[in-house]
Amino acid sequence: MDTHSLNRTRAGDHVLLLSPDDKRYLVRLTPGARLDTHRGYITHDALIDQPFGSAIKTQLGHAFLIVHPSTSDWVMHIKRASQIIYPKEIGYIVLQLNIVPGARVIEAGTGSGGLTLALARLVRPNGKIYTYEERDDMLARAQKNFARAGVLDVIEMKQRDIRAGFDEKNVDALFLDVREPWLFLAQAHAALKGGGFFGALVPTTNQISALLDEMNLRADWTDIQVVEILLRGYKPVAERLRPVDRMVAHTGYLIFARAIRTNPETTFQNQIKLSASEEA
C-alpha cells in the first residue's frame, strides 16, 4: 500500500472525530452507515477517502476533525462493565514496569481490558500479554474490546483463579488489579524473572498497608514505591489561562517493586529495611 493511501481514511478504519467543544466519537467506517452526533449527523460514506487531519461538516454545518485515535482514546472508548484504569495511571504504570517492544507481561484482573489494550500496543510486534480473569462475562467483553482495537494477536486470555499461580515464568513485568493483591505476592514472584517489575492498583490506604506489611514479611522485594496520580487540566486560552472546573483526582493508589532472588539473611535487603525504618 502506498504512503498516500495510508494518509486517507478507508472503509473498515477506526477514526476519531473531534468537535470544537472537545466531544469525541470513535467509529469504524462502514459504507452505508451514519454517525449521529450532538451537532447533527455525518454519513460514513462522506468520511471514507478523506485525508486524516481534515475537517468534515454535519448536515447542520458543524465541523468535525478526522484523526487517528490514540491509545488514550481507545482506553476511554472501550465498552466497560467495571471501573477502568485511567490513562493518567496507565502512563505511569507502563514507565515503571518498563513496558517495551518484545516484553512479556502478566496482568491479573482483566476487567474491561483498558490496561491490557495499552500494554498490548506497546509490546508489539514480538511481545505478549498474558491476562487472567475469573469472570467469563468480563473476559467475553474484554475480548470484543481487544478485537475492535486490533490487538488480539499479542494477548493470551485465561479464565483462572490466580491462587494456583501463573503458567508463565521469567516474565519481564506483572501487574495486579485485584481486591487483595497481598495474597498473591508468592505467585507473582514465582512468575517474574530476577529484577522483574511488579505493580498493583488498590483504591484504599488500608489495602496499601496490607500489601506493604506482606512485602516486609518477605525478603524478595525491593525498590518499593507508593504513588497517587493527580491530574489537573487547564483551559487552553492564553488570555484567560486557568484550571478547568473539574479535576481528575483520586482514582487509585499504585504500588511498585522489583523482584529479587535472595533470602532473609541477605545483608542488602536488611539494610533496605533498616534505612526505611530510620526515615519513617
C-alpha atoms as a PDB file:
ATOM      1  CA  MET A   1       0.000   0.000   0.000  1.00  0.00           C
ATOM      2  CA  ASP A   2       1.405   3.419  -0.909  1.00  0.00           C
ATOM      3  CA  THR A   3       2.089   6.087   1.715  1.00  0.00           C
ATOM      4  CA  HIS A   4      -0.522   8.399   0.229  1.00  0.00           C
ATOM      5  CA  SER A   5      -3.325   5.900   0.797  1.00  0.00           C
ATOM      6  CA  LEU A   6      -2.289   5.467   4.439  1.00  0.00           C
ATOM      7  CA  ASN A   7      -2.958   9.165   4.986  1.00  0.00           C
ATOM      8  CA  ARG A   8      -6.573   8.844   3.867  1.00  0.00           C
ATOM      9  CA  THR A   9      -9.474   7.091   5.535  1.00  0.00           C
ATOM     10  CA  ARG A  10     -10.670   3.747   4.221  1.00  0.00           C
ATOM     11  CA  ALA A  11     -13.694   1.555   4.812  1.00  0.00           C
ATOM     12  CA  GLY A  12     -13.005  -0.529   7.907  1.00  0.00           C
ATOM     13  CA  ASP A  13     -10.722   2.054   9.517  1.00  0.00           C
ATOM     14  CA  HIS A  14     -11.327   3.274  13.036  1.00  0.00           C
ATOM     15  CA  VAL A  15     -11.254   7.060  13.120  1.00  0.00           C
ATOM     16  CA  LEU A  16     -11.741   9.667  15.811  1.00  0.00           C
ATOM     17  CA  LEU A  17     -13.954  12.678  15.146  1.00  0.00           C
ATOM     18  CA  LEU A  18     -13.217  15.770  17.247  1.00  0.00           C
ATOM     19  CA  SER A  19     -15.648  18.651  17.690  1.00  0.00           C
ATOM     20  CA  PRO A  20     -14.609  22.223  18.606  1.00  0.00           C
ATOM     21  CA  ASP A  21     -16.157  21.685  22.059  1.00  0.00           C
ATOM     22  CA  ASP A  22     -13.971  18.564  22.594  1.00  0.00           C
ATOM     23  CA  LYS A  23     -16.615  15.885  22.041  1.00  0.00           C
ATOM     24  CA  ARG A  24     -15.021  12.698  20.710  1.00  0.00           C
ATOM     25  CA  TYR A  25     -16.525   9.931  18.594  1.00  0.00           C
ATOM     26  CA  LEU A  26     -14.552   6.763  17.807  1.00  0.00           C
ATOM     27  CA  VAL A  27     -16.155   4.972  14.878  1.00  0.00           C
ATOM     28  CA  ARG A  28     -15.388   2.151  12.456  1.00  0.00           C
ATOM     29  CA  LEU A  29     -16.099   3.358   8.942  1.00  0.00           C
ATOM     30  CA  THR A  30     -18.805   1.220   7.371  1.00  0.00           C
ATOM     31  CA  PRO A  31     -20.280   2.034   3.945  1.00  0.00           C
ATOM     32  CA  GLY A  32     -23.953   2.975   4.243  1.00  0.00           C
ATOM     33  CA  ALA A  33     -23.782   3.686   7.996  1.00  0.00           C
ATOM     34  CA  ARG A  34     -24.401   7.019   9.731  1.00  0.00           C
ATOM     35  CA  LEU A  35     -22.908   8.692  12.797  1.00  0.00           C
ATOM     36  CA  ASP A  36     -25.314  10.734  14.907  1.00  0.00           C
ATOM     37  CA  THR A  37     -23.598  13.428  16.969  1.00  0.00           C
ATOM     38  CA  HIS A  38     -24.695  16.223  19.297  1.00  0.00           C
ATOM     39  CA  ARG A  39     -24.300  18.562  16.285  1.00  0.00           C
ATOM     40  CA  GLY A  40     -26.110  16.584  13.616  1.00  0.00           C
ATOM     41  CA  TYR A  41     -25.185  13.514  11.608  1.00  0.00           C
ATOM     42  CA  ILE A  42     -22.410  12.524   9.195  1.00  0.00           C
ATOM     43  CA  THR A  43     -22.651   9.606   6.794  1.00  0.00           C
ATOM     44  CA  HIS A  44     -19.791   7.128   6.820  1.00  0.00           C
ATOM     45  CA  ASP A  45     -19.648   7.348   3.036  1.00  0.00           C
ATOM     46  CA  ALA A  46     -18.746  11.021   3.397  1.00  0.00           C
ATOM     47  CA  LEU A  47     -15.984  10.099   5.857  1.00  0.00           C
ATOM     48  CA  ILE A  48     -14.363   7.473   3.619  1.00  0.00           C
ATOM     49  CA  ASP A  49     -11.375   8.529   1.465  1.00  0.00           C
ATOM     50  CA  GLN A  50     -10.828  11.740   3.417  1.00  0.00           C
ATOM     51  CA  PRO A  51      -7.352  12.976   4.419  1.00  0.00           C
ATOM     52  CA  PHE A  52      -6.536  12.485   8.090  1.00  0.00           C
ATOM     53  CA  GLY A  53      -6.335  15.886   9.748  1.00  0.00           C
ATOM     54  CA  SER A  54      -9.081  17.336   7.560  1.00  0.00           C
ATOM     55  CA  ALA A  55     -12.492  18.599   8.659  1.00  0.00           C
ATOM     56  CA  ILE A  56     -15.953  17.475   7.623  1.00  0.00           C
ATOM     57  CA  LYS A  57     -19.333  19.025   8.387  1.00  0.00           C
ATOM     58  CA  THR A  58     -22.578  17.552   9.628  1.00  0.00           C
ATOM     59  CA  GLN A  59     -25.813  18.223   7.750  1.00  0.00           C
ATOM     60  CA  LEU A  60     -26.277  21.158  10.149  1.00  0.00           C
ATOM     61  CA  GLY A  61     -22.957  22.710   9.148  1.00  0.00           C
ATOM     62  CA  HIS A  62     -20.925  21.873  12.270  1.00  0.00           C
ATOM     63  CA  ALA A  63     -17.316  20.854  11.610  1.00  0.00           C
ATOM     64  CA  PHE A  64     -15.537  17.777  12.989  1.00  0.00           C
ATOM     65  CA  LEU A  65     -11.844  16.970  12.604  1.00  0.00           C
ATOM     66  CA  ILE A  66     -10.881  13.481  11.340  1.00  0.00           C
ATOM     67  CA  VAL A  67      -7.841  11.984  13.124  1.00  0.00           C
ATOM     68  CA  HIS A  68      -6.343   8.646  14.126  1.00  0.00           C
ATOM     69  CA  PRO A  69      -7.446   7.525  17.620  1.00  0.00           C
ATOM     70  CA  SER A  70      -4.687   7.483  20.239  1.00  0.00           C
ATOM     71  CA  THR A  71      -4.157   4.734  22.800  1.00  0.00           C
ATOM     72  CA  SER A  72      -5.812   7.033  25.345  1.00  0.00           C
ATOM     73  CA  ASP A  73      -8.854   7.343  23.071  1.00  0.00           C
ATOM     74  CA  TRP A  74      -9.095   3.568  22.757  1.00  0.00           C
ATOM     75  CA  VAL A  75      -8.938   3.123  26.531  1.00  0.00           C
ATOM     76  CA  MET A  76     -11.620   5.724  27.197  1.00  0.00           C
ATOM     77  CA  HIS A  77     -13.959   4.405  24.482  1.00  0.00           C
ATOM     78  CA  ILE A  78     -13.930   0.694  25.305  1.00  0.00           C
ATOM     79  CA  LYS A  79     -17.179  -0.989  26.259  1.00  0.00           C
ATOM     80  CA  ARG A  80     -16.969  -1.333  30.023  1.00  0.00           C
ATOM     81  CA  ALA A  81     -18.784  -3.201  32.761  1.00  0.00           C
ATOM     82  CA  SER A  82     -16.376  -2.247  35.537  1.00  0.00           C
ATOM     83  CA  GLN A  83     -14.163   0.603  36.675  1.00  0.00           C
ATOM     84  CA  ILE A  84     -11.206   1.038  34.332  1.00  0.00           C
ATOM     85  CA  ILE A  85      -7.640   2.128  34.990  1.00  0.00           C
ATOM     86  CA  TYR A  86      -7.433   5.651  33.581  1.00  0.00           C
ATOM     87  CA  PRO A  87      -4.818   6.974  31.144  1.00  0.00           C
ATOM     88  CA  LYS A  88      -3.245   9.107  33.877  1.00  0.00           C
ATOM     89  CA  GLU A  89      -2.334   5.930  35.783  1.00  0.00           C
ATOM     90  CA  ILE A  90      -1.585   3.858  32.682  1.00  0.00           C
ATOM     91  CA  GLY A  91       1.086   6.293  31.521  1.00  0.00           C
ATOM     92  CA  TYR A  92       2.947   5.970  34.810  1.00  0.00           C
ATOM     93  CA  ILE A  93       2.404   2.218  35.015  1.00  0.00           C
ATOM     94  CA  VAL A  94       3.970   1.493  31.624  1.00  0.00           C
ATOM     95  CA  LEU A  95       7.040   3.565  32.516  1.00  0.00           C
ATOM     96  CA  GLN A  96       7.505   1.993  35.953  1.00  0.00           C
ATOM     97  CA  LEU A  97       7.043  -1.533  34.573  1.00  0.00           C
ATOM     98  CA  ASN A  98       9.416  -0.796  31.675  1.00  0.00           C
ATOM     99  CA  ILE A  99       6.922  -1.913  29.031  1.00  0.00           C
ATOM    100  CA  VAL A 100       8.828  -2.041  25.740  1.00  0.00           C
ATOM    101  CA  PRO A 101       8.505  -3.888  22.412  1.00  0.00           C
ATOM    102  CA  GLY A 102       9.112  -7.591  22.971  1.00  0.00           C
ATOM    103  CA  ALA A 103       8.259  -7.587  26.687  1.00  0.00           C
ATOM    104  CA  ARG A 104       6.365 -10.490  28.252  1.00  0.00           C
ATOM    105  CA  VAL A 105       3.835  -9.199  30.769  1.00  0.00           C
ATOM    106  CA  ILE A 106       1.303 -10.815  33.106  1.00  0.00           C
ATOM    107  CA  GLU A 107      -1.810  -8.927  34.168  1.00  0.00           C
ATOM    108  CA  ALA A 108      -4.325 -10.248  36.697  1.00  0.00           C
ATOM    109  CA  GLY A 109      -7.776  -8.688  36.800  1.00  0.00           C
ATOM    110  CA  THR A 110      -8.551  -8.092  33.127  1.00  0.00           C
ATOM    111  CA  GLY A 111     -11.827  -6.284  33.763  1.00  0.00           C
ATOM    112  CA  SER A 112     -12.920  -4.432  30.636  1.00  0.00           C
ATOM    113  CA  GLY A 113      -9.360  -4.544  29.291  1.00  0.00           C
ATOM    114  CA  GLY A 114      -8.260  -0.908  29.233  1.00  0.00           C
ATOM    115  CA  LEU A 115      -4.791  -1.502  30.677  1.00  0.00           C
ATOM    116  CA  THR A 116      -4.423  -4.728  28.694  1.00  0.00           C
ATOM    117  CA  LEU A 117      -5.122  -2.857  25.475  1.00  0.00           C
ATOM    118  CA  ALA A 118      -2.495  -0.214  26.255  1.00  0.00           C
ATOM    119  CA  LEU A 119       0.091  -2.836  27.211  1.00  0.00           C
ATOM    120  CA  ALA A 120      -0.588  -4.805  24.032  1.00  0.00           C
ATOM    121  CA  ARG A 121       0.042  -1.808  21.799  1.00  0.00           C
ATOM    122  CA  LEU A 122       3.412  -1.247  23.469  1.00  0.00           C
ATOM    123  CA  VAL A 123       4.848  -4.793  23.418  1.00  0.00           C
ATOM    124  CA  ARG A 124       4.301  -5.327  19.701  1.00  0.00           C
ATOM    125  CA  PRO A 125       5.434  -6.919  17.484  1.00  0.00           C
ATOM    126  CA  ASN A 126       7.128  -9.734  19.390  1.00  0.00           C
ATOM    127  CA  GLY A 127       5.888  -9.292  22.967  1.00  0.00           C
ATOM    128  CA  LYS A 128       2.999 -10.971  24.751  1.00  0.00           C
ATOM    129  CA  ILE A 129       0.381 -10.014  27.322  1.00  0.00           C
ATOM    130  CA  TYR A 130      -0.991 -12.833  29.494  1.00  0.00           C
ATOM    131  CA  THR A 131      -4.166 -11.596  31.155  1.00  0.00           C
ATOM    132  CA  TYR A 132      -6.008 -13.523  33.885  1.00  0.00           C
ATOM    133  CA  GLU A 133      -9.651 -13.028  34.879  1.00  0.00           C
ATOM    134  CA  GLU A 134     -12.057 -15.185  36.904  1.00  0.00           C
ATOM    135  CA  ARG A 135     -15.325 -13.958  35.382  1.00  0.00           C
ATOM    136  CA  ASP A 136     -16.292 -15.279  31.961  1.00  0.00           C
ATOM    137  CA  ASP A 137     -18.558 -12.291  31.250  1.00  0.00           C
ATOM    138  CA  MET A 138     -15.639  -9.917  31.807  1.00  0.00           C
ATOM    139  CA  LEU A 139     -13.372 -11.917  29.514  1.00  0.00           C
ATOM    140  CA  ALA A 140     -16.040 -12.015  26.802  1.00  0.00           C
ATOM    141  CA  ARG A 141     -16.446  -8.246  26.922  1.00  0.00           C
ATOM    142  CA  ALA A 142     -12.698  -7.674  27.021  1.00  0.00           C
ATOM    143  CA  GLN A 143     -12.186  -9.964  24.032  1.00  0.00           C
ATOM    144  CA  LYS A 144     -14.601  -7.853  21.990  1.00  0.00           C
ATOM    145  CA  ASN A 145     -12.731  -4.711  23.018  1.00  0.00           C
ATOM    146  CA  PHE A 146      -9.396  -6.267  22.011  1.00  0.00           C
ATOM    147  CA  ALA A 147     -10.781  -7.411  18.664  1.00  0.00           C
ATOM    148  CA  ARG A 148     -12.185  -3.947  17.962  1.00  0.00           C
ATOM    149  CA  ALA A 149      -8.800  -2.371  18.746  1.00  0.00           C
ATOM    150  CA  GLY A 150      -6.930  -4.972  16.689  1.00  0.00           C
ATOM    151  CA  VAL A 151      -4.646  -6.233  19.485  1.00  0.00           C
ATOM    152  CA  LEU A 152      -5.795  -9.844  19.930  1.00  0.00           C
ATOM    153  CA  ASP A 153      -2.642 -11.149  18.248  1.00  0.00           C
ATOM    154  CA  VAL A 154      -0.451 -10.270  21.255  1.00  0.00           C
ATOM    155  CA  ILE A 155      -2.915 -11.109  24.055  1.00  0.00           C
ATOM    156  CA  GLU A 156      -3.475 -14.510  25.662  1.00  0.00           C
ATOM    157  CA  MET A 157      -6.589 -14.583  27.870  1.00  0.00           C
ATOM    158  CA  LYS A 158      -7.009 -17.062  30.711  1.00  0.00           C
ATOM    159  CA  GLN A 159     -10.025 -17.651  32.940  1.00  0.00           C
ATOM    160  CA  ARG A 160      -8.392 -18.634  36.186  1.00  0.00           C
ATOM    161  CA  ASP A 161      -8.264 -18.131  39.937  1.00  0.00           C
ATOM    162  CA  ILE A 162      -4.677 -16.939  40.341  1.00  0.00           C
ATOM    163  CA  ARG A 163      -4.304 -18.548  43.780  1.00  0.00           C
ATOM    164  CA  ALA A 164      -2.978 -21.552  41.852  1.00  0.00           C
ATOM    165  CA  GLY A 165      -0.272 -19.369  40.342  1.00  0.00           C
ATOM    166  CA  PHE A 166       0.591 -18.326  36.808  1.00  0.00           C
ATOM    167  CA  ASP A 167       1.557 -20.569  33.891  1.00  0.00           C
ATOM    168  CA  GLU A 168       4.354 -18.280  32.716  1.00  0.00           C
ATOM    169  CA  LYS A 169       7.849 -17.973  34.197  1.00  0.00           C
ATOM    170  CA  ASN A 170      10.609 -15.380  33.853  1.00  0.00           C
ATOM    171  CA  VAL A 171       8.267 -12.660  32.629  1.00  0.00           C
ATOM    172  CA  ASP A 172       9.509  -9.081  32.485  1.00  0.00           C
ATOM    173  CA  ALA A 173       6.657  -7.454  34.396  1.00  0.00           C
ATOM    174  CA  LEU A 174       3.498  -8.320  36.309  1.00  0.00           C
ATOM    175  CA  PHE A 175       0.561  -6.144  37.355  1.00  0.00           C
ATOM    176  CA  LEU A 176      -2.219  -6.986  39.825  1.00  0.00           C
ATOM    177  CA  ASP A 177      -5.581  -5.231  39.699  1.00  0.00           C
ATOM    178  CA  VAL A 178      -7.296  -7.435  42.269  1.00  0.00           C
ATOM    179  CA  ARG A 179      -9.018  -6.837  45.604  1.00  0.00           C
ATOM    180  CA  GLU A 180      -6.333  -8.405  47.840  1.00  0.00           C
ATOM    181  CA  PRO A 181      -3.004  -8.297  45.974  1.00  0.00           C
ATOM    182  CA  TRP A 182      -1.007  -9.193  49.115  1.00  0.00           C
ATOM    183  CA  LEU A 183      -2.417 -12.716  48.899  1.00  0.00           C
ATOM    184  CA  PHE A 184      -0.672 -13.282  45.564  1.00  0.00           C
ATOM    185  CA  LEU A 185       2.868 -12.000  46.155  1.00  0.00           C
ATOM    186  CA  ALA A 186       4.339 -15.515  46.170  1.00  0.00           C
ATOM    187  CA  GLN A 187       2.632 -16.352  42.879  1.00  0.00           C
ATOM    188  CA  ALA A 188       3.773 -13.056  41.351  1.00  0.00           C
ATOM    189  CA  HIS A 189       7.356 -13.535  42.498  1.00  0.00           C
ATOM    190  CA  ALA A 190       7.463 -17.068  41.094  1.00  0.00           C
ATOM    191  CA  ALA A 191       6.407 -15.778  37.671  1.00  0.00           C
ATOM    192  CA  LEU A 192       8.814 -12.830  37.462  1.00  0.00           C
ATOM    193  CA  LYS A 193      12.422 -13.002  36.355  1.00  0.00           C
ATOM    194  CA  GLY A 194      15.082 -11.777  38.763  1.00  0.00           C
ATOM    195  CA  GLY A 195      14.815  -7.996  38.922  1.00  0.00           C
ATOM    196  CA  GLY A 196      11.432  -8.112  37.194  1.00  0.00           C
ATOM    197  CA  PHE A 197       8.935  -5.292  37.636  1.00  0.00           C
ATOM    198  CA  PHE A 198       5.862  -5.620  39.867  1.00  0.00           C
ATOM    199  CA  GLY A 199       2.896  -3.259  40.123  1.00  0.00           C
ATOM    200  CA  ALA A 200      -0.512  -3.192  41.782  1.00  0.00           C
ATOM    201  CA  LEU A 201      -3.500  -0.862  41.968  1.00  0.00           C
ATOM    202  CA  VAL A 202      -5.670  -0.539  45.081  1.00  0.00           C
ATOM    203  CA  PRO A 203      -8.392   2.002  45.952  1.00  0.00           C
ATOM    204  CA  THR A 204      -7.761   2.430  49.712  1.00  0.00           C
ATOM    205  CA  THR A 205      -4.864   3.134  52.079  1.00  0.00           C
ATOM    206  CA  ASN A 206      -5.782   0.094  54.194  1.00  0.00           C
ATOM    207  CA  GLN A 207      -5.017  -2.081  51.182  1.00  0.00           C
ATOM    208  CA  ILE A 208      -1.685  -0.318  50.701  1.00  0.00           C
ATOM    209  CA  SER A 209      -0.760  -1.095  54.306  1.00  0.00           C
ATOM    210  CA  ALA A 210      -1.740  -4.744  53.940  1.00  0.00           C
ATOM    211  CA  LEU A 211       0.383  -5.084  50.809  1.00  0.00           C
ATOM    212  CA  LEU A 212       3.382  -3.331  52.379  1.00  0.00           C
ATOM    213  CA  ASP A 213       3.110  -5.466  55.523  1.00  0.00           C
ATOM    214  CA  GLU A 214       3.230  -8.635  53.444  1.00  0.00           C
ATOM    215  CA  MET A 215       6.159  -7.347  51.394  1.00  0.00           C
ATOM    216  CA  ASN A 216       8.049  -6.537  54.582  1.00  0.00           C
ATOM    217  CA  LEU A 217       7.481 -10.069  55.885  1.00  0.00           C
ATOM    218  CA  ARG A 218       9.141 -11.412  52.757  1.00  0.00           C
ATOM    219  CA  ALA A 219      12.742 -10.820  51.703  1.00  0.00           C
ATOM    220  CA  ASP A 220      12.253 -10.942  47.957  1.00  0.00           C
ATOM    221  CA  TRP A 221      11.024  -7.446  47.025  1.00  0.00           C
ATOM    222  CA  THR A 222      12.926  -4.187  46.851  1.00  0.00           C
ATOM    223  CA  ASP A 223      12.703  -0.682  45.367  1.00  0.00           C
ATOM    224  CA  ILE A 224       9.161  -0.385  46.757  1.00  0.00           C
ATOM    225  CA  GLN A 225       7.238   2.760  45.814  1.00  0.00           C
ATOM    226  CA  VAL A 226       3.729   4.025  46.578  1.00  0.00           C
ATOM    227  CA  VAL A 227       2.231   6.826  44.471  1.00  0.00           C
ATOM    228  CA  GLU A 228      -1.054   8.560  43.738  1.00  0.00           C
ATOM    229  CA  ILE A 229      -1.519  10.335  40.404  1.00  0.00           C
ATOM    230  CA  LEU A 230      -3.496  13.596  40.416  1.00  0.00           C
ATOM    231  CA  LEU A 231      -4.207  15.263  37.082  1.00  0.00           C
ATOM    232  CA  ARG A 232      -5.242  18.898  36.715  1.00  0.00           C
ATOM    233  CA  GLY A 233      -6.171  20.219  33.278  1.00  0.00           C
ATOM    234  CA  TYR A 234      -6.048  23.862  32.220  1.00  0.00           C
ATOM    235  CA  LYS A 235      -8.270  25.717  29.800  1.00  0.00           C
ATOM    236  CA  PRO A 236      -6.134  26.343  26.694  1.00  0.00           C
ATOM    237  CA  VAL A 237      -6.975  30.045  26.367  1.00  0.00           C
ATOM    238  CA  ALA A 238      -3.858  32.213  26.524  1.00  0.00           C
ATOM    239  CA  GLU A 239      -5.652  35.362  27.699  1.00  0.00           C
ATOM    240  CA  ARG A 240      -7.633  33.591  30.445  1.00  0.00           C
ATOM    241  CA  LEU A 241      -5.431  30.685  31.473  1.00  0.00           C
ATOM    242  CA  ARG A 242      -6.888  28.883  34.484  1.00  0.00           C
ATOM    243  CA  PRO A 243      -7.638  25.342  35.678  1.00  0.00           C
ATOM    244  CA  VAL A 244     -10.669  23.552  34.340  1.00  0.00           C
ATOM    245  CA  ASP A 245     -13.637  23.398  36.695  1.00  0.00           C
ATOM    246  CA  ARG A 246     -13.281  19.682  37.445  1.00  0.00           C
ATOM    247  CA  MET A 247     -10.081  17.885  38.433  1.00  0.00           C
ATOM    248  CA  VAL A 248      -9.364  14.185  37.946  1.00  0.00           C
ATOM    249  CA  ALA A 249      -8.068  13.486  41.442  1.00  0.00           C
ATOM    250  CA  HIS A 250      -8.082  10.178  43.322  1.00  0.00           C
ATOM    251  CA  THR A 251      -8.783   7.117  41.205  1.00  0.00           C
ATOM    252  CA  GLY A 252      -6.465   4.685  42.984  1.00  0.00           C
ATOM    253  CA  TYR A 253      -3.078   4.101  44.602  1.00  0.00           C
ATOM    254  CA  LEU A 254      -0.194   2.471  42.763  1.00  0.00           C
ATOM    255  CA  ILE A 255       2.441   0.265  44.379  1.00  0.00           C
ATOM    256  CA  PHE A 256       5.601  -0.782  42.540  1.00  0.00           C
ATOM    257  CA  ALA A 257       8.513  -3.076  43.425  1.00  0.00           C
ATOM    258  CA  ARG A 258      11.283  -5.216  41.933  1.00  0.00           C
ATOM    259  CA  ALA A 259      11.596  -8.971  42.425  1.00  0.00           C
ATOM    260  CA  ILE A 260      14.940 -10.118  43.821  1.00  0.00           C
ATOM    261  CA  ARG A 261      16.470 -13.557  44.361  1.00  0.00           C
ATOM    262  CA  THR A 262      17.579 -13.522  47.984  1.00  0.00           C
ATOM    263  CA  ASN A 263      16.943 -14.885  51.483  1.00  0.00           C
ATOM    264  CA  PRO A 264      16.023 -13.333  54.856  1.00  0.00           C
ATOM    265  CA  GLU A 265      19.684 -13.073  55.916  1.00  0.00           C
ATOM    266  CA  THR A 266      20.770 -11.064  52.892  1.00  0.00           C
ATOM    267  CA  THR A 267      22.672  -8.005  54.059  1.00  0.00           C
ATOM    268  CA  PHE A 268      21.399  -5.826  51.214  1.00  0.00           C
ATOM    269  CA  GLN A 269      17.731  -6.442  51.998  1.00  0.00           C
ATOM    270  CA  ASN A 270      18.204  -5.967  55.739  1.00  0.00           C
ATOM    271  CA  GLN A 271      19.924  -2.669  55.040  1.00  0.00           C
ATOM    272  CA  ILE A 272      16.961  -1.565  52.899  1.00  0.00           C
ATOM    273  CA  LYS A 273      14.538  -2.297  55.765  1.00  0.00           C
ATOM    274  CA  LEU A 274      16.778  -0.541  58.305  1.00  0.00           C
ATOM    275  CA  SER A 275      17.042   2.554  56.134  1.00  0.00           C
ATOM    276  CA  ALA A 276      13.264   2.674  55.614  1.00  0.00           C
ATOM    277  CA  SER A 277      12.549   2.386  59.346  1.00  0.00           C
ATOM    278  CA  GLU A 278      15.024   5.166  60.155  1.00  0.00           C
ATOM    279  CA  GLU A 279      13.425   7.513  57.608  1.00  0.00           C
ATOM    280  CA  ALA A 280       9.925   6.776  58.971  1.00  0.00           C
END
